[in-house]
Amino acid sequence: MEANDPRTRSVQRILLAEDDEDMRRFLVKALEKAGYDVVSFGNGLEAYDRLKEEPFTLLLTDIVMPEMDGIELARKASELDPELKIMFITGFAAVALNPDNHAPKDAKILSKPFHLRDLVDQVERLLAA
């Protein structure tokens, strides 16, 4: 890795995919306030395209989104970077837990609605693991 490679910095980089604009804005604000570098997109396809260009520490994704859902995004992201940590934020936890969808096995799930502090706590735990 080169000296300016983002993975060598102490700031953890989060790729956020959430199609609800208000929710996305709240999540970005909370995570940035907690010290994370956050790049966000409104759909899975745009997030995947960005993931192909640069490394991230965590993929934080909604499940139900246009163009590419969060499950497919997580599968493809895991293929690109097996070290990438994945967390689903969803009102449809049963979908993520369904073994037929082939979601990455070690992905974490945070069910909506949740408090922003809970999100930050879960992200911190996942990234510390």
C-alpha atoms as a PDB file:
ATOM      1  CA  MET A   1       0.000   0.000   0.000  1.00  0.00           C
ATOM      2  CA  GLU A   2       1.204   3.477  -0.801  1.00  0.00           C
ATOM      3  CA  ALA A   3       1.567   6.197   1.822  1.00  0.00           C
ATOM      4  CA  ASN A   4      -1.533   8.041   0.632  1.00  0.00           C
ATOM      5  CA  ASP A   5      -3.662   4.892   0.459  1.00  0.00           C
ATOM      6  CA  PRO A   6      -6.838   5.515   2.537  1.00  0.00           C
ATOM      7  CA  ARG A   7      -6.435   2.133   4.258  1.00  0.00           C
ATOM      8  CA  THR A   8      -3.230   3.326   5.937  1.00  0.00           C
ATOM      9  CA  ARG A   9      -4.962   6.291   7.611  1.00  0.00           C
ATOM     10  CA  SER A  10      -6.626   5.998  10.994  1.00  0.00           C
ATOM     11  CA  VAL A  11      -9.945   7.389   9.722  1.00  0.00           C
ATOM     12  CA  GLN A  12     -12.355   4.566   8.942  1.00  0.00           C
ATOM     13  CA  ARG A  13     -14.087   4.970   5.564  1.00  0.00           C
ATOM     14  CA  ILE A  14     -17.764   4.089   5.262  1.00  0.00           C
ATOM     15  CA  LEU A  15     -19.681   3.604   2.035  1.00  0.00           C
ATOM     16  CA  LEU A  16     -23.365   4.283   2.673  1.00  0.00           C
ATOM     17  CA  ALA A  17     -26.144   3.188   0.312  1.00  0.00           C
ATOM     18  CA  GLU A  18     -29.595   4.445   1.353  1.00  0.00           C
ATOM     19  CA  ASP A  19     -32.325   5.527  -1.063  1.00  0.00           C
ATOM     20  CA  ASP A  20     -34.249   7.676   1.441  1.00  0.00           C
ATOM     21  CA  GLU A  21     -32.617  11.100   1.094  1.00  0.00           C
ATOM     22  CA  ASP A  22     -33.576  12.359   4.576  1.00  0.00           C
ATOM     23  CA  MET A  23     -32.401   9.145   6.239  1.00  0.00           C
ATOM     24  CA  ARG A  24     -29.154   9.252   4.233  1.00  0.00           C
ATOM     25  CA  ARG A  25     -28.498  12.841   5.343  1.00  0.00           C
ATOM     26  CA  PHE A  26     -29.105  11.985   9.031  1.00  0.00           C
ATOM     27  CA  LEU A  27     -26.865   8.918   8.840  1.00  0.00           C
ATOM     28  CA  VAL A  28     -24.026  10.803   7.157  1.00  0.00           C
ATOM     29  CA  LYS A  29     -24.207  13.596   9.725  1.00  0.00           C
ATOM     30  CA  ALA A  30     -24.191  11.171  12.683  1.00  0.00           C
ATOM     31  CA  LEU A  31     -21.312   9.086  11.320  1.00  0.00           C
ATOM     32  CA  GLU A  32     -19.204  12.100  10.363  1.00  0.00           C
ATOM     33  CA  LYS A  33     -19.792  13.598  13.814  1.00  0.00           C
ATOM     34  CA  ALA A  34     -18.465  10.308  15.240  1.00  0.00           C
ATOM     35  CA  GLY A  35     -15.269  10.787  13.208  1.00  0.00           C
ATOM     36  CA  TYR A  36     -15.887   8.603  10.164  1.00  0.00           C
ATOM     37  CA  ASP A  37     -15.235   9.500   6.533  1.00  0.00           C
ATOM     38  CA  VAL A  38     -18.562   8.792   4.795  1.00  0.00           C
ATOM     39  CA  VAL A  39     -19.328   8.584   1.083  1.00  0.00           C
ATOM     40  CA  SER A  40     -23.035   8.123   0.365  1.00  0.00           C
ATOM     41  CA  PHE A  41     -25.220   7.130  -2.558  1.00  0.00           C
ATOM     42  CA  GLY A  42     -28.950   6.829  -3.170  1.00  0.00           C
ATOM     43  CA  ASN A  43     -28.802   3.397  -4.788  1.00  0.00           C
ATOM     44  CA  GLY A  44     -26.741   0.243  -4.771  1.00  0.00           C
ATOM     45  CA  LEU A  45     -25.487   0.503  -8.341  1.00  0.00           C
ATOM     46  CA  GLU A  46     -23.821   3.885  -7.767  1.00  0.00           C
ATOM     47  CA  ALA A  47     -22.357   2.637  -4.485  1.00  0.00           C
ATOM     48  CA  TYR A  48     -20.969  -0.470  -6.204  1.00  0.00           C
ATOM     49  CA  ASP A  49     -19.391   1.626  -8.952  1.00  0.00           C
ATOM     50  CA  ARG A  50     -17.602   3.717  -6.300  1.00  0.00           C
ATOM     51  CA  LEU A  51     -16.495   0.613  -4.415  1.00  0.00           C
ATOM     52  CA  LYS A  52     -14.784  -0.623  -7.582  1.00  0.00           C
ATOM     53  CA  GLU A  53     -12.726   2.600  -7.619  1.00  0.00           C
ATOM     54  CA  GLU A  54     -11.481   2.814  -4.021  1.00  0.00           C
ATOM     55  CA  PRO A  55     -11.331   0.868  -0.755  1.00  0.00           C
ATOM     56  CA  PHE A  56     -13.699   1.273   2.186  1.00  0.00           C
ATOM     57  CA  THR A  57     -13.694  -0.202   5.674  1.00  0.00           C
ATOM     58  CA  LEU A  58     -17.462  -0.681   5.970  1.00  0.00           C
ATOM     59  CA  LEU A  59     -20.420  -0.977   3.642  1.00  0.00           C
ATOM     60  CA  LEU A  60     -23.555   0.321   5.367  1.00  0.00           C
ATOM     61  CA  THR A  61     -26.536  -0.414   3.166  1.00  0.00           C
ATOM     62  CA  ASP A  62     -30.295  -0.402   3.116  1.00  0.00           C
ATOM     63  CA  ILE A  63     -31.773  -3.570   1.644  1.00  0.00           C
ATOM     64  CA  VAL A  64     -34.696  -2.268  -0.424  1.00  0.00           C
ATOM     65  CA  MET A  65     -33.333   0.186  -3.022  1.00  0.00           C
ATOM     66  CA  PRO A  66     -33.781   0.899  -6.721  1.00  0.00           C
ATOM     67  CA  GLU A  67     -31.381  -0.359  -9.418  1.00  0.00           C
ATOM     68  CA  MET A  68     -29.451  -2.744  -7.127  1.00  0.00           C
ATOM     69  CA  ASP A  69     -30.739  -3.860  -3.740  1.00  0.00           C
ATOM     70  CA  GLY A  70     -28.549  -4.012  -0.664  1.00  0.00           C
ATOM     71  CA  ILE A  71     -28.255  -7.809  -0.679  1.00  0.00           C
ATOM     72  CA  GLU A  72     -26.884  -7.871  -4.218  1.00  0.00           C
ATOM     73  CA  LEU A  73     -24.631  -4.893  -3.414  1.00  0.00           C
ATOM     74  CA  ALA A  74     -23.264  -6.708  -0.353  1.00  0.00           C
ATOM     75  CA  ARG A  75     -22.636  -9.914  -2.328  1.00  0.00           C
ATOM     76  CA  LYS A  76     -20.784  -8.083  -5.084  1.00  0.00           C
ATOM     77  CA  ALA A  77     -18.895  -5.915  -2.591  1.00  0.00           C
ATOM     78  CA  SER A  78     -17.721  -9.030  -0.720  1.00  0.00           C
ATOM     79  CA  GLU A  79     -16.418 -10.475  -3.977  1.00  0.00           C
ATOM     80  CA  LEU A  80     -14.444  -7.278  -4.627  1.00  0.00           C
ATOM     81  CA  ASP A  81     -13.108  -7.014  -1.079  1.00  0.00           C
ATOM     82  CA  PRO A  82     -13.488 -10.035   1.208  1.00  0.00           C
ATOM     83  CA  GLU A  83     -12.186  -7.929   4.133  1.00  0.00           C
ATOM     84  CA  LEU A  84     -14.992  -5.353   3.789  1.00  0.00           C
ATOM     85  CA  LYS A  85     -17.290  -5.276   6.812  1.00  0.00           C
ATOM     86  CA  ILE A  86     -20.996  -5.125   5.993  1.00  0.00           C
ATOM     87  CA  MET A  87     -23.985  -3.856   7.929  1.00  0.00           C
ATOM     88  CA  PHE A  88     -27.572  -3.783   6.711  1.00  0.00           C
ATOM     89  CA  ILE A  89     -29.913  -1.062   7.933  1.00  0.00           C
ATOM     90  CA  THR A  90     -33.414  -2.154   7.158  1.00  0.00           C
ATOM     91  CA  GLY A  91     -37.045  -2.331   8.084  1.00  0.00           C
ATOM     92  CA  PHE A  92     -37.011  -5.819   6.557  1.00  0.00           C
ATOM     93  CA  ALA A  93     -34.641  -7.795   8.811  1.00  0.00           C
ATOM     94  CA  ALA A  94     -36.314 -11.078   7.852  1.00  0.00           C
ATOM     95  CA  VAL A  95     -35.227 -10.520   4.236  1.00  0.00           C
ATOM     96  CA  ALA A  96     -31.596 -10.143   5.265  1.00  0.00           C
ATOM     97  CA  LEU A  97     -31.807 -13.183   7.531  1.00  0.00           C
ATOM     98  CA  ASN A  98     -33.304 -15.412   4.835  1.00  0.00           C
ATOM     99  CA  PRO A  99     -30.553 -17.892   3.847  1.00  0.00           C
ATOM    100  CA  ASP A 100     -31.965 -18.101   0.303  1.00  0.00           C
ATOM    101  CA  ASN A 101     -30.821 -14.567  -0.493  1.00  0.00           C
ATOM    102  CA  HIS A 102     -27.119 -15.467  -0.034  1.00  0.00           C
ATOM    103  CA  ALA A 103     -26.263 -12.331   1.948  1.00  0.00           C
ATOM    104  CA  PRO A 104     -22.706 -12.351   3.327  1.00  0.00           C
ATOM    105  CA  LYS A 105     -22.795 -14.573   6.419  1.00  0.00           C
ATOM    106  CA  ASP A 106     -20.942 -12.235   8.782  1.00  0.00           C
ATOM    107  CA  ALA A 107     -22.984  -9.152   7.854  1.00  0.00           C
ATOM    108  CA  LYS A 108     -24.635  -7.347  10.764  1.00  0.00           C
ATOM    109  CA  ILE A 109     -28.231  -6.128  10.737  1.00  0.00           C
ATOM    110  CA  LEU A 110     -29.654  -3.010  12.373  1.00  0.00           C
ATOM    111  CA  SER A 111     -33.445  -2.865  12.157  1.00  0.00           C
ATOM    112  CA  LYS A 112     -35.266   0.397  11.479  1.00  0.00           C
ATOM    113  CA  PRO A 113     -36.329   2.414  13.316  1.00  0.00           C
ATOM    114  CA  PHE A 114     -33.183   2.946  15.359  1.00  0.00           C
ATOM    115  CA  HIS A 115     -31.619   5.803  17.285  1.00  0.00           C
ATOM    116  CA  LEU A 116     -28.579   7.389  15.627  1.00  0.00           C
ATOM    117  CA  ARG A 117     -26.544   6.651  18.774  1.00  0.00           C
ATOM    118  CA  ASP A 118     -27.383   2.946  18.337  1.00  0.00           C
ATOM    119  CA  LEU A 119     -26.124   3.096  14.759  1.00  0.00           C
ATOM    120  CA  VAL A 120     -22.842   4.717  15.782  1.00  0.00           C
ATOM    121  CA  ASP A 121     -22.407   2.197  18.631  1.00  0.00           C
ATOM    122  CA  GLN A 122     -23.038  -0.749  16.279  1.00  0.00           C
ATOM    123  CA  VAL A 123     -20.630   0.651  13.673  1.00  0.00           C
ATOM    124  CA  GLU A 124     -17.943   1.177  16.318  1.00  0.00           C
ATOM    125  CA  ARG A 125     -18.368  -2.395  17.579  1.00  0.00           C
ATOM    126  CA  LEU A 126     -18.242  -3.859  14.091  1.00  0.00           C
ATOM    127  CA  LEU A 127     -15.147  -1.908  13.100  1.00  0.00           C
ATOM    128  CA  ALA A 128     -13.374  -2.785  16.354  1.00  0.00           C
ATOM    129  CA  ALA A 129     -13.997  -6.532  15.823  1.00  0.00           C
END
